[in-house]
N, C-alpha and C. Protein backbone atom coordinates (compact mmCIF):
# COMPACT_ATOMS: atom_id res chain seq x y z
N MET A 1 28.83 5.86 23.97
CA MET A 1 30.66 5.49 24.17
C MET A 1 31.31 7.11 23.71
N ARG A 2 31.85 7.62 23.38
CA ARG A 2 32.01 9.17 23.51
C ARG A 2 33.64 9.05 24.08
N THR A 3 34.53 9.53 22.49
CA THR A 3 35.69 9.09 22.58
C THR A 3 35.98 10.88 22.22
N SER A 4 37.74 11.12 22.34
CA SER A 4 38.80 12.61 21.83
C SER A 4 39.60 11.94 21.05
N VAL A 5 39.81 12.95 19.87
CA VAL A 5 41.06 12.59 18.98
C VAL A 5 41.67 13.63 18.38
N CYS A 6 43.50 13.50 18.65
CA CYS A 6 43.37 14.51 17.00
C CYS A 6 44.64 13.84 16.48
N TRP A 7 44.89 15.19 14.87
CA TRP A 7 45.43 14.46 14.02
C TRP A 7 46.08 15.83 13.70
N THR A 8 47.13 15.55 13.20
CA THR A 8 47.84 17.07 12.18
C THR A 8 48.17 16.34 10.95
N ASN A 9 48.86 16.74 10.39
CA ASN A 9 49.04 16.64 8.99
C ASN A 9 50.58 15.22 9.22
N TRP A 10 51.00 14.90 7.58
CA TRP A 10 51.76 13.92 7.26
C TRP A 10 53.04 14.94 8.17
N GLN A 11 53.50 15.87 8.11
CA GLN A 11 54.30 16.29 8.37
C GLN A 11 54.34 17.09 9.79
N GLY A 12 53.17 17.55 10.91
CA GLY A 12 53.04 17.30 11.84
C GLY A 12 52.60 19.08 11.24
N GLN A 13 52.32 19.48 10.75
CA GLN A 13 51.66 21.29 10.83
C GLN A 13 50.12 20.93 10.57
N GLY A 14 49.49 22.07 10.93
CA GLY A 14 47.72 21.93 11.26
C GLY A 14 48.00 21.08 12.24
N LEU A 15 46.43 21.21 12.85
CA LEU A 15 46.01 20.15 13.99
C LEU A 15 44.17 19.88 13.90
N GLU A 16 43.29 18.91 13.89
CA GLU A 16 43.02 18.63 13.75
C GLU A 16 42.46 18.18 15.48
N ARG A 17 41.25 18.10 16.35
CA ARG A 17 40.61 17.86 17.03
C ARG A 17 38.38 16.94 16.87
N CYS A 18 39.16 16.14 17.08
CA CYS A 18 37.14 15.05 16.35
C CYS A 18 36.62 14.35 17.54
N THR A 19 35.23 14.59 17.95
CA THR A 19 34.79 13.84 19.38
C THR A 19 33.87 13.50 18.44
N LEU A 20 33.85 11.42 18.72
CA LEU A 20 32.94 11.04 18.32
C LEU A 20 31.85 10.45 19.14
N VAL A 21 30.49 10.87 18.85
CA VAL A 21 29.54 10.03 20.34
C VAL A 21 28.80 9.08 19.40
N GLN A 22 28.49 8.13 20.23
CA GLN A 22 27.81 6.89 18.98
C GLN A 22 27.05 5.96 20.81
N ASP A 23 25.25 6.10 19.62
CA ASP A 23 24.86 5.16 21.06
C ASP A 23 23.90 4.33 20.20
N ASP A 24 22.78 3.59 20.59
CA ASP A 24 21.97 2.77 19.82
C ASP A 24 20.87 3.67 18.69
N GLU A 25 21.12 5.02 19.16
CA GLU A 25 19.72 5.27 18.06
C GLU A 25 20.56 6.60 16.63
N HIS A 26 22.27 6.58 17.28
CA HIS A 26 23.44 7.34 16.30
C HIS A 26 24.51 8.12 16.48
N LEU A 27 25.40 8.38 15.74
CA LEU A 27 27.07 8.72 15.96
C LEU A 27 27.07 9.81 14.74
N ILE A 28 27.63 10.23 16.08
CA ILE A 28 27.95 12.52 16.10
C ILE A 28 29.25 12.19 15.61
N LEU A 29 30.13 12.96 14.79
CA LEU A 29 31.28 13.27 14.45
C LEU A 29 31.73 15.29 13.98
N GLU A 30 31.80 15.07 15.39
CA GLU A 30 32.26 16.77 15.56
C GLU A 30 33.31 17.47 15.49
N GLY A 31 33.97 18.34 14.73
CA GLY A 31 35.45 18.47 14.93
C GLY A 31 35.78 20.39 14.48
N VAL A 32 37.34 20.15 14.35
CA VAL A 32 37.76 21.46 14.81
C VAL A 32 39.60 21.57 13.85
N VAL A 33 39.71 22.32 12.82
CA VAL A 33 40.27 21.75 11.70
C VAL A 33 41.20 23.56 12.06
N SER A 34 42.71 23.22 11.96
CA SER A 34 42.89 24.01 11.57
C SER A 34 44.18 23.00 10.84
N GLY A 35 43.96 23.75 9.19
CA GLY A 35 44.85 22.90 8.43
C GLY A 35 45.07 23.44 7.86
N THR A 36 46.85 22.70 6.61
CA THR A 36 47.54 23.06 5.98
C THR A 36 47.68 22.29 4.61
N ARG A 37 46.60 21.92 4.41
CA ARG A 37 46.21 21.30 2.56
C ARG A 37 45.87 21.67 1.64
N GLY A 38 46.27 22.36 0.65
CA GLY A 38 46.09 23.25 -0.05
C GLY A 38 45.92 24.70 0.08
N GLY A 39 46.65 24.75 0.92
CA GLY A 39 46.61 26.85 1.76
C GLY A 39 45.89 25.80 3.00
N LYS A 40 46.58 27.25 3.47
CA LYS A 40 46.15 27.54 5.20
C LYS A 40 43.86 27.94 5.01
N TYR A 41 43.37 27.09 6.37
CA TYR A 41 42.15 27.18 6.12
C TYR A 41 42.05 26.25 8.17
N GLY A 42 41.06 27.26 8.43
CA GLY A 42 40.36 27.00 9.85
C GLY A 42 39.11 26.37 9.68
N ALA A 43 38.40 25.11 9.89
CA ALA A 43 37.36 24.94 9.19
C ALA A 43 36.44 23.97 10.89
N TYR A 44 35.41 23.91 10.90
CA TYR A 44 34.49 23.57 12.27
C TYR A 44 33.54 22.30 11.21
N TYR A 45 33.25 21.00 11.81
CA TYR A 45 32.68 19.80 10.95
C TYR A 45 31.77 19.16 11.98
N SER A 46 30.47 18.75 11.38
CA SER A 46 29.49 18.24 12.43
C SER A 46 28.63 17.78 11.85
N VAL A 47 29.18 16.47 12.19
CA VAL A 47 28.09 14.79 11.05
C VAL A 47 27.54 13.81 12.09
N ARG A 48 25.88 14.38 11.11
CA ARG A 48 25.47 13.58 12.08
C ARG A 48 25.02 11.91 11.12
N ALA A 49 25.04 10.83 11.22
CA ALA A 49 25.11 9.70 11.18
C ALA A 49 23.41 8.98 11.97
N ASP A 50 22.61 7.71 10.86
CA ASP A 50 22.03 7.05 11.84
C ASP A 50 22.35 5.71 12.25
N ALA A 51 21.89 4.70 13.01
CA ALA A 51 22.23 3.37 13.33
C ALA A 51 23.08 3.32 13.14
N GLN A 52 22.34 2.64 11.38
CA GLN A 52 23.37 2.21 10.89
C GLN A 52 24.48 2.63 9.47
N CYS A 53 24.78 3.60 10.34
CA CYS A 53 25.55 4.59 9.65
C CYS A 53 25.64 5.83 8.73
N ARG A 54 24.69 5.77 8.26
CA ARG A 54 24.03 5.95 6.96
C ARG A 54 24.27 7.67 7.51
N THR A 55 24.55 8.79 6.29
CA THR A 55 25.06 10.63 6.93
C THR A 55 23.45 10.27 6.50
N ARG A 56 23.52 11.14 7.96
CA ARG A 56 21.80 12.17 7.71
C ARG A 56 21.88 13.70 7.84
N GLU A 57 22.96 14.35 8.40
CA GLU A 57 23.62 15.99 8.53
C GLU A 57 24.97 16.00 7.98
N VAL A 58 25.18 16.83 7.28
CA VAL A 58 26.33 17.34 7.40
C VAL A 58 26.89 18.59 7.55
N LEU A 59 27.31 18.98 7.98
CA LEU A 59 27.78 20.61 8.19
C LEU A 59 29.44 21.11 8.00
N VAL A 60 30.10 22.47 7.67
CA VAL A 60 31.10 22.33 7.65
C VAL A 60 30.86 23.44 7.58
N LYS A 61 32.36 24.42 7.78
CA LYS A 61 31.99 25.90 7.71
C LYS A 61 33.08 26.18 7.58
N TYR A 62 33.49 26.86 6.79
CA TYR A 62 35.68 27.71 6.74
C TYR A 62 35.27 28.53 7.31
N ILE A 63 36.45 28.53 8.29
CA ILE A 63 36.38 29.88 8.81
C ILE A 63 36.68 31.43 7.93
N GLY A 64 35.91 32.23 7.62
CA GLY A 64 36.35 32.97 7.32
C GLY A 64 35.81 32.89 5.38
N GLY A 65 35.24 31.88 5.41
CA GLY A 65 34.45 31.51 4.19
C GLY A 65 33.11 30.93 4.01
N GLN A 66 33.57 29.56 3.11
CA GLN A 66 32.15 29.29 2.97
C GLN A 66 31.01 28.17 3.50
N THR A 67 29.94 27.99 3.80
CA THR A 67 29.28 27.21 4.99
C THR A 67 28.43 26.75 4.18
N LEU A 68 28.83 25.42 4.11
CA LEU A 68 27.44 24.13 3.68
C LEU A 68 27.07 23.09 4.76
N HIS A 69 25.84 23.42 4.42
CA HIS A 69 24.62 22.40 5.23
C HIS A 69 23.34 21.52 4.93
N VAL A 70 24.35 20.45 4.69
CA VAL A 70 23.45 19.09 3.95
C VAL A 70 22.21 18.09 4.65
N VAL A 71 21.31 18.00 4.52
CA VAL A 71 20.68 16.46 5.21
C VAL A 71 20.81 15.69 4.15
N ALA A 72 20.36 14.35 4.55
CA ALA A 72 20.22 13.35 3.62
C ALA A 72 18.70 11.87 4.02
N ASP A 73 18.30 11.95 3.46
CA ASP A 73 16.84 10.61 4.06
C ASP A 73 17.52 9.14 4.72
N GLY A 74 18.59 9.45 4.01
CA GLY A 74 18.72 7.45 4.41
C GLY A 74 18.37 6.39 3.37
N ASP A 75 18.07 7.34 2.60
CA ASP A 75 17.72 6.60 1.24
C ASP A 75 17.81 6.73 0.13
N GLY A 76 19.57 7.68 0.28
CA GLY A 76 20.18 8.09 -0.65
C GLY A 76 19.90 9.22 -1.56
N HIS A 77 18.98 10.43 -0.95
CA HIS A 77 17.94 11.91 -1.40
C HIS A 77 19.15 12.83 -0.70
N TRP A 78 19.40 14.11 -0.61
CA TRP A 78 20.14 14.57 -0.72
C TRP A 78 19.66 15.89 -0.15
N HIS A 79 19.47 17.12 0.08
CA HIS A 79 19.01 17.60 -0.07
C HIS A 79 19.49 19.36 0.88
N ASP A 80 19.90 20.37 -0.45
CA ASP A 80 21.39 21.44 0.64
C ASP A 80 20.22 22.37 1.32
N ILE A 81 20.99 21.74 2.66
CA ILE A 81 19.22 23.39 3.59
C ILE A 81 19.77 24.73 3.49
N LEU A 82 20.87 25.71 2.98
CA LEU A 82 20.93 26.65 2.97
C LEU A 82 20.30 27.24 1.25
N GLY A 83 20.27 26.37 0.63
CA GLY A 83 20.10 27.15 -0.92
C GLY A 83 18.28 26.78 -0.82
N ASP A 84 18.02 25.49 -0.17
CA ASP A 84 16.31 25.17 -0.33
C ASP A 84 16.35 24.37 -1.53
N ARG A 85 17.23 23.51 -1.86
CA ARG A 85 17.14 22.95 -3.03
C ARG A 85 17.53 20.72 -2.86
N PRO A 86 17.05 20.49 -4.14
CA PRO A 86 17.52 19.27 -3.20
C PRO A 86 18.42 19.45 -4.64
N VAL A 87 19.40 18.23 -4.47
CA VAL A 87 20.81 17.53 -4.46
C VAL A 87 21.24 16.42 -5.96
N PRO A 88 20.28 16.55 -6.68
CA PRO A 88 20.04 15.31 -7.21
C PRO A 88 21.48 14.48 -7.67
N SER A 89 22.49 15.34 -7.67
CA SER A 89 24.33 14.60 -8.21
C SER A 89 24.42 13.86 -6.73
N LEU A 90 24.17 14.45 -5.92
CA LEU A 90 24.61 13.04 -5.25
C LEU A 90 23.60 11.48 -4.38
N ASP A 91 22.55 12.33 -4.95
CA ASP A 91 21.45 10.24 -5.66
C ASP A 91 22.35 8.70 -5.22
N GLY A 92 21.90 8.40 -4.40
CA GLY A 92 22.74 7.06 -3.88
C GLY A 92 23.51 7.51 -3.15
N CYS A 93 23.88 8.25 -2.18
CA CYS A 93 25.70 8.04 -1.93
C CYS A 93 24.64 7.85 -0.27
N PHE A 94 25.72 7.84 0.59
CA PHE A 94 24.96 7.03 2.10
C PHE A 94 25.47 7.48 2.51
N ASP A 95 27.32 8.05 2.39
CA ASP A 95 28.47 8.15 3.79
C ASP A 95 28.92 9.57 2.20
N VAL A 96 29.60 10.39 3.38
CA VAL A 96 29.95 11.92 3.37
C VAL A 96 31.42 11.50 3.75
N ASP A 97 32.56 12.14 2.41
CA ASP A 97 34.10 12.47 2.77
C ASP A 97 34.59 14.05 2.92
N ILE A 98 34.52 14.47 4.01
CA ILE A 98 35.24 15.38 4.12
C ILE A 98 36.70 15.93 3.58
N GLY A 99 37.11 16.16 3.24
CA GLY A 99 38.10 16.58 2.64
C GLY A 99 39.18 16.75 3.75
N VAL A 100 38.79 17.48 4.32
CA VAL A 100 39.72 17.84 5.62
C VAL A 100 40.33 17.68 7.28
N THR A 101 39.50 16.14 6.81
CA THR A 101 39.57 14.70 7.87
C THR A 101 39.43 14.04 7.60
N PRO A 102 40.64 12.45 8.45
CA PRO A 102 40.19 11.16 8.50
C PRO A 102 39.40 10.63 8.92
N ALA A 103 38.02 11.60 9.80
CA ALA A 103 37.21 11.19 10.40
C ALA A 103 35.87 10.65 9.59
N THR A 104 35.73 11.26 8.80
CA THR A 104 34.70 10.15 8.18
C THR A 104 34.82 8.93 7.25
N ASN A 105 36.61 8.45 7.43
CA ASN A 105 36.15 7.75 6.83
C ASN A 105 35.02 6.16 7.93
N THR A 106 35.24 6.62 9.08
CA THR A 106 34.83 5.68 9.81
C THR A 106 33.51 5.39 9.66
N LEU A 107 32.58 6.58 9.12
CA LEU A 107 31.39 6.40 8.62
C LEU A 107 30.66 4.82 7.91
N ALA A 108 31.66 4.87 5.98
CA ALA A 108 31.22 4.27 4.91
C ALA A 108 32.19 2.66 5.76
N ILE A 109 33.29 2.77 6.95
CA ILE A 109 33.71 1.59 7.26
C ILE A 109 32.56 1.02 8.52
N LYS A 110 32.38 1.32 8.77
CA LYS A 110 31.05 0.98 10.31
C LYS A 110 29.95 0.71 9.59
N ARG A 111 29.82 1.41 8.54
CA ARG A 111 28.03 1.13 7.46
C ARG A 111 28.48 -0.38 6.62
N LEU A 112 29.36 -0.80 5.59
CA LEU A 112 29.71 -1.67 5.11
C LEU A 112 29.77 -2.94 5.82
N GLY A 113 30.58 -2.67 7.09
CA GLY A 113 31.03 -3.77 7.92
C GLY A 113 31.23 -5.17 6.94
N LEU A 114 32.60 -4.89 7.05
CA LEU A 114 32.94 -6.38 5.43
C LEU A 114 33.44 -6.63 6.56
N ALA A 115 33.54 -8.05 5.83
CA ALA A 115 34.39 -9.28 6.15
C ALA A 115 35.62 -9.59 5.66
N PRO A 116 36.89 -9.77 6.47
CA PRO A 116 38.08 -9.66 5.34
C PRO A 116 38.29 -10.10 4.25
N LYS A 117 39.11 -9.73 3.87
CA LYS A 117 39.23 -9.69 2.17
C LYS A 117 37.99 -9.54 1.06
N ALA A 118 36.88 -9.10 2.03
CA ALA A 118 35.87 -8.83 1.16
C ALA A 118 36.09 -6.69 0.62
N ARG A 119 35.30 -6.64 -0.74
CA ARG A 119 35.71 -4.61 -0.82
C ARG A 119 34.44 -4.99 -0.98
N GLN A 120 33.76 -3.19 -1.19
CA GLN A 120 33.08 -2.66 -2.15
C GLN A 120 33.22 -1.28 -2.10
N ASP A 121 32.58 -0.91 -3.37
CA ASP A 121 32.80 0.68 -4.20
C ASP A 121 31.74 0.96 -3.98
N ILE A 122 31.67 2.39 -3.61
CA ILE A 122 30.81 3.21 -3.26
C ILE A 122 31.29 4.31 -3.46
N VAL A 123 29.80 5.58 -3.99
CA VAL A 123 30.08 7.18 -3.58
C VAL A 123 29.82 7.35 -2.54
N ALA A 124 30.96 8.65 -2.42
CA ALA A 124 30.19 9.21 -1.72
C ALA A 124 30.44 10.67 -1.75
N ALA A 125 29.44 11.68 -0.78
CA ALA A 125 29.55 12.80 -1.27
C ALA A 125 30.85 13.52 -0.73
N TYR A 126 31.34 14.29 -1.35
CA TYR A 126 32.50 14.76 -1.32
C TYR A 126 32.28 15.83 -1.10
N VAL A 127 32.92 16.00 0.47
CA VAL A 127 33.09 17.86 0.42
C VAL A 127 34.45 18.50 0.12
N PRO A 128 34.48 19.35 -0.59
CA PRO A 128 36.34 19.47 -1.25
C PRO A 128 37.11 20.33 0.09
N LEU A 129 38.08 20.28 -0.15
CA LEU A 129 38.85 21.34 0.50
C LEU A 129 38.88 22.96 0.33
N PRO A 130 39.31 23.87 1.17
CA PRO A 130 38.58 25.25 0.50
C PRO A 130 39.33 25.38 -0.73
N SER A 131 40.50 25.05 -0.68
CA SER A 131 41.14 25.13 -2.28
C SER A 131 40.65 24.44 -3.35
N GLN A 132 39.65 23.80 -3.82
CA GLN A 132 38.79 22.76 -4.24
C GLN A 132 37.90 23.26 -4.60
N ILE A 133 37.05 24.33 -3.71
CA ILE A 133 35.91 24.46 -3.98
C ILE A 133 35.41 25.70 -5.55
N GLU A 134 34.50 25.33 -6.62
CA GLU A 134 35.03 26.00 -8.13
C GLU A 134 33.32 25.98 -7.64
N GLY A 135 32.75 27.23 -7.85
CA GLY A 135 30.98 27.69 -7.50
C GLY A 135 30.60 27.58 -6.82
N ALA A 136 29.29 26.64 -6.25
CA ALA A 136 29.08 26.64 -5.49
C ALA A 136 30.09 25.43 -4.46
N PHE A 137 29.08 25.63 -3.04
CA PHE A 137 30.09 25.33 -1.99
C PHE A 137 29.29 24.14 -1.87
N LEU A 138 29.25 22.67 -2.65
CA LEU A 138 28.53 21.64 -1.87
C LEU A 138 29.31 20.61 -2.33
N PRO A 139 28.68 19.15 -1.65
CA PRO A 139 29.13 17.74 -1.80
C PRO A 139 29.41 17.47 -3.31
N VAL A 140 30.27 17.35 -3.95
CA VAL A 140 30.64 16.12 -5.25
C VAL A 140 30.21 14.61 -5.10
N PRO A 141 29.68 14.31 -5.88
CA PRO A 141 30.15 12.36 -5.92
C PRO A 141 31.60 11.77 -6.32
N ALA A 142 31.51 11.21 -5.80
CA ALA A 142 33.46 10.96 -5.49
C ALA A 142 33.27 9.34 -5.25
N GLN A 143 34.08 8.03 -6.52
CA GLN A 143 33.41 7.16 -6.63
C GLN A 143 34.82 6.15 -5.81
N GLN A 144 34.23 5.11 -4.42
CA GLN A 144 35.63 5.34 -3.69
C GLN A 144 35.53 4.03 -3.95
N ARG A 145 36.65 2.82 -2.97
CA ARG A 145 36.56 1.48 -2.45
C ARG A 145 37.31 1.43 -1.71
N TYR A 146 37.01 0.52 -0.18
CA TYR A 146 37.10 0.13 1.12
C TYR A 146 37.83 -1.10 0.24
N THR A 147 38.81 -2.26 0.80
CA THR A 147 38.73 -3.31 1.06
C THR A 147 39.73 -3.46 2.73
N CYS A 148 38.32 -4.48 3.28
CA CYS A 148 38.72 -5.05 4.35
C CYS A 148 40.04 -6.05 4.77
N LEU A 149 40.89 -5.55 5.42
CA LEU A 149 43.11 -6.21 5.60
C LEU A 149 42.36 -7.20 6.40
N ILE A 150 41.85 -6.57 7.93
CA ILE A 150 41.90 -7.24 9.26
C ILE A 150 40.66 -6.11 10.24
N ALA A 151 39.53 -7.34 9.96
CA ALA A 151 37.69 -6.83 10.22
C ALA A 151 38.25 -6.15 12.06
N ASP A 152 37.77 -4.88 11.80
CA ASP A 152 37.81 -4.04 12.64
C ASP A 152 39.51 -2.96 13.16
N ARG A 153 40.05 -3.60 11.73
CA ARG A 153 41.47 -2.84 12.47
C ARG A 153 42.02 -2.20 11.32
N ARG A 154 42.10 -2.80 9.81
CA ARG A 154 42.91 -2.30 8.99
C ARG A 154 41.58 -2.68 7.51
N TYR A 155 41.75 -1.43 6.81
CA TYR A 155 41.69 -1.58 5.78
C TYR A 155 41.91 -0.53 4.46
N ARG A 156 41.96 -0.67 3.42
CA ARG A 156 42.43 -0.18 1.68
C ARG A 156 41.50 0.94 2.07
N TYR A 157 41.96 1.49 1.32
CA TYR A 157 41.00 3.06 1.31
C TYR A 157 41.39 3.54 -0.27
N GLU A 158 40.38 3.44 -1.24
CA GLU A 158 40.77 3.76 -2.57
C GLU A 158 39.75 4.76 -3.21
N GLY A 159 40.78 6.20 -3.31
CA GLY A 159 39.81 7.56 -3.68
C GLY A 159 40.22 7.18 -5.43
N LEU A 160 39.04 5.92 -6.12
CA LEU A 160 39.05 5.76 -7.13
C LEU A 160 39.08 7.03 -7.89
N PHE A 161 38.42 8.36 -7.32
CA PHE A 161 38.26 9.44 -8.67
C PHE A 161 39.58 10.43 -8.47
N ARG A 162 40.54 10.08 -7.82
CA ARG A 162 42.02 11.38 -7.63
C ARG A 162 42.99 9.69 -8.13
N SER A 163 43.12 8.58 -8.15
CA SER A 163 43.53 7.24 -8.03
C SER A 163 44.71 7.94 -6.66
N PHE A 164 43.65 6.90 -6.11
CA PHE A 164 44.52 7.59 -4.66
C PHE A 164 44.48 6.36 -3.12
N LYS A 165 45.37 5.37 -3.17
CA LYS A 165 45.52 4.14 -2.65
C LYS A 165 45.87 4.30 -0.59
N ALA A 166 45.14 4.37 0.57
CA ALA A 166 46.06 4.13 1.55
C ALA A 166 45.96 3.57 2.51
N GLU A 167 46.40 2.42 3.65
CA GLU A 167 46.12 1.36 4.59
C GLU A 167 45.98 2.54 5.21
N LEU A 168 44.47 1.56 5.86
CA LEU A 168 44.22 2.62 7.65
C LEU A 168 43.85 1.72 8.73
N GLU A 169 44.63 1.98 9.71
CA GLU A 169 45.09 0.89 10.46
C GLU A 169 44.10 2.22 11.31
N LEU A 170 42.89 1.61 12.48
CA LEU A 170 42.39 1.80 12.84
C LEU A 170 41.91 1.47 14.01
N ASP A 171 41.06 1.96 15.31
CA ASP A 171 41.84 2.29 16.72
C ASP A 171 40.40 1.65 17.00
N ARG A 172 40.19 1.58 18.01
CA ARG A 172 39.22 0.37 19.05
C ARG A 172 37.97 0.84 18.88
N PHE A 173 38.08 2.53 18.61
CA PHE A 173 36.51 2.70 18.36
C PHE A 173 35.79 3.45 16.90
N GLY A 174 37.47 2.40 16.20
CA GLY A 174 36.14 3.12 14.58
C GLY A 174 37.57 3.63 13.98
N LEU A 175 38.23 4.86 15.18
CA LEU A 175 38.61 6.23 14.20
C LEU A 175 39.39 5.67 13.56
N VAL A 176 40.27 6.18 12.61
CA VAL A 176 41.35 5.86 11.59
C VAL A 176 42.86 6.43 12.95
N MET A 177 43.34 6.08 12.93
CA MET A 177 44.38 5.90 14.09
C MET A 177 45.97 6.89 12.51
N ASP A 178 46.44 6.61 11.91
CA ASP A 178 47.35 7.13 10.52
C ASP A 178 47.00 6.46 9.49
N TYR A 179 47.09 8.23 8.52
CA TYR A 179 46.14 8.25 7.12
C TYR A 179 47.85 8.29 6.63
N PRO A 180 48.09 7.31 6.16
CA PRO A 180 49.65 7.63 5.48
C PRO A 180 49.72 8.50 3.96
N ASP A 181 50.93 9.13 4.57
CA ASP A 181 51.06 10.58 3.50
C ASP A 181 50.32 11.99 3.67
N THR A 182 48.98 11.40 4.47
CA THR A 182 48.14 12.27 5.28
C THR A 182 47.88 12.83 6.47
N PHE A 183 47.66 12.26 7.22
CA PHE A 183 47.43 12.23 8.31
C PHE A 183 47.60 11.34 9.19
N ARG A 184 48.32 12.06 10.27
CA ARG A 184 48.70 11.14 11.75
C ARG A 184 48.43 11.45 13.12
N ARG A 185 47.80 10.04 13.95
CA ARG A 185 47.47 10.74 14.98
C ARG A 185 48.59 11.26 16.03
N VAL A 186 47.90 12.22 16.88
CA VAL A 186 48.91 12.83 17.67
C VAL A 186 48.51 12.40 19.02
N GLU A 187 47.49 12.55 19.49
CA GLU A 187 46.89 12.53 20.94
C GLU A 187 45.71 11.67 20.65
N GLU A 188 45.76 10.88 21.95
CA GLU A 188 44.14 10.06 22.15
C GLU A 188 43.80 10.58 23.92
N THR A 189 42.64 10.64 23.64
CA THR A 189 41.58 10.57 25.26
C THR A 189 40.27 9.86 25.26
N SER A 190 40.54 9.49 26.24
CA SER A 190 38.56 8.91 26.46
C SER A 190 38.13 9.22 27.56
């Protein structure tokens, strides 16, 4: 299965194009972003997850800025490819949350497979916006909560690390349609 979608920020500025590819062995998200959250930036990202939607590889490049490339073993252990070192602060993280895109919410939602009214707290590997980078460009652990409101269609996302809540409606592929006050879908092609 393959699909591509576009988002803009809630105010209609910036643009993201994301492609989702999923088969029996893996799920891949790949996108480019011309963003405005926290300042103007350009970004490229690629995320590879295994069949259980556990994040296995993350590459993020901020155009004219820093690059991040980390891998995970599927058991919650991460390694910084560029720095050739383990990232023990991410031990126990199975999901990535890239701040410049709503696409990565898909991974946690699919991996968790929550029944209606069920909720689950997780710690995700959060990739900061360019304006949030302090020191080394690496993901940081971020406490989050997902609640299933309507199976495969609507979920409540809570960024516990920043006191943020949003109800996310998903399309038939599990990608976010709108992310209130943050992202809005502007085009869909299959």
